[in-house]
Protein backbone atom coordinates (compact mmCIF):
# COMPACT_ATOMS: atom_id res chain seq x y z
CA MET A 1 16.02 31.28 -29.63
CA ILE A 2 19.40 30.12 -28.34
CA HIS A 3 17.58 28.18 -25.63
CA LYS A 4 15.70 26.23 -28.32
CA LEU A 5 18.94 25.39 -30.12
CA PHE A 6 20.38 23.83 -26.99
CA THR A 7 17.25 22.05 -25.78
CA TRP A 8 16.05 20.77 -29.16
CA PRO A 9 18.21 17.58 -29.10
CA ILE A 10 17.09 16.79 -25.55
CA ASP A 11 13.43 17.48 -26.38
CA THR A 12 13.68 15.22 -29.43
CA ILE A 13 15.28 12.41 -27.43
CA MET A 14 12.61 12.72 -24.74
CA MET A 15 9.83 12.68 -27.34
CA VAL A 16 11.28 9.56 -28.99
CA GLY A 17 11.71 7.90 -25.59
CA LYS A 18 8.10 8.65 -24.70
CA LYS A 19 6.89 7.16 -27.99
CA VAL A 20 8.99 4.01 -27.46
CA LYS A 21 7.57 3.63 -23.95
CA GLU A 22 4.01 4.02 -25.28
CA GLU A 23 4.59 1.33 -27.90
CA ALA A 24 6.19 -1.01 -25.36
CA ASP A 25 3.29 -0.48 -22.96
CA LYS A 26 0.85 -1.16 -25.77
CA GLU A 27 2.67 -4.39 -26.61
CA LEU A 28 2.78 -5.50 -22.97
CA TYR A 29 -0.48 -4.16 -21.59
CA ASP A 30 -2.99 -3.86 -24.43
CA VAL A 31 -5.96 -6.06 -23.51
CA GLU A 32 -6.89 -6.93 -27.10
CA HIS A 33 -3.30 -7.74 -28.01
CA ILE A 34 -2.96 -10.07 -25.02
CA GLN A 35 -6.27 -11.76 -25.86
CA LYS A 36 -5.04 -12.41 -29.39
CA LYS A 37 -1.81 -13.87 -28.03
CA LEU A 38 -3.79 -16.17 -25.73
CA VAL A 39 -5.88 -17.43 -28.65
CA GLN A 40 -2.73 -17.95 -30.71
CA LEU A 41 -1.14 -19.82 -27.82
CA GLU A 42 -4.19 -22.08 -27.55
CA MET A 43 -4.05 -22.82 -31.27
CA MET A 44 -0.36 -23.68 -31.04
CA LEU A 45 -1.12 -26.14 -28.25
CA GLU A 46 -3.93 -27.74 -30.23
CA MET A 47 -1.66 -28.10 -33.26
CA ASP A 48 1.06 -29.72 -31.11
CA GLU A 49 3.45 -26.84 -31.76
CA LEU A 50 3.88 -26.43 -28.00
CA SER A 51 4.16 -28.88 -25.15
CA GLU A 52 1.72 -28.60 -22.27
CA GLU A 53 4.56 -27.31 -20.08
CA GLN A 54 5.53 -24.58 -22.57
CA TYR A 55 1.89 -23.62 -22.90
CA ASP A 56 1.42 -23.35 -19.13
CA LYS A 57 4.49 -21.12 -18.74
CA GLN A 58 3.52 -18.78 -21.55
CA GLU A 59 -0.10 -18.68 -20.47
CA GLU A 60 0.93 -17.72 -16.94
CA VAL A 61 2.96 -14.77 -18.26
CA LEU A 62 0.15 -13.62 -20.55
CA LEU A 63 -2.46 -13.88 -17.81
CA ALA A 64 -0.28 -11.80 -15.47
CA GLN A 65 0.03 -9.17 -18.21
CA TYR A 66 -3.72 -9.35 -18.76
CA ARG A 67 -4.45 -8.67 -15.09
CA ILE A 68 -2.14 -5.65 -15.12
CA ALA A 69 -3.66 -4.42 -18.38
CA LYS A 70 -7.17 -4.63 -16.93
CA GLN A 71 -6.06 -2.72 -13.82
CA LEU A 72 -4.47 -0.01 -15.98
CA GLU A 73 -7.61 0.15 -18.10
CA GLN A 74 -9.77 0.58 -15.01
CA GLN A 75 -7.46 3.30 -13.67
CA ARG A 76 -7.68 5.20 -16.97
CA LEU A 77 -11.48 4.94 -16.95
CA LYS A 78 -11.64 6.13 -13.36
CA GLU A 79 -9.33 9.08 -14.14
CA ASN A 80 -11.45 10.01 -17.16
CA LEU A 81 -14.61 9.94 -15.07
CA GLU A 82 -13.03 12.15 -12.41
CA GLU A 83 -12.06 14.80 -14.98
């Protein structure tokens, strides 16, 4: 019981940290989220809200995230198949 009293704050902090990491990963490496951002970026270019240069820079970042997201997705699928 005493052990729980001392480790509870650490366990809570670790749980919150894990949740924050999951949300950050979802924001950065969720395939659907990145696809939506790419569509939004395209629309902004078409509506002249972005210059071609700004578009190219942002698209490059999003495409790099997309490649990583697809790799992570494939790894998860492979791990699930192996289990």
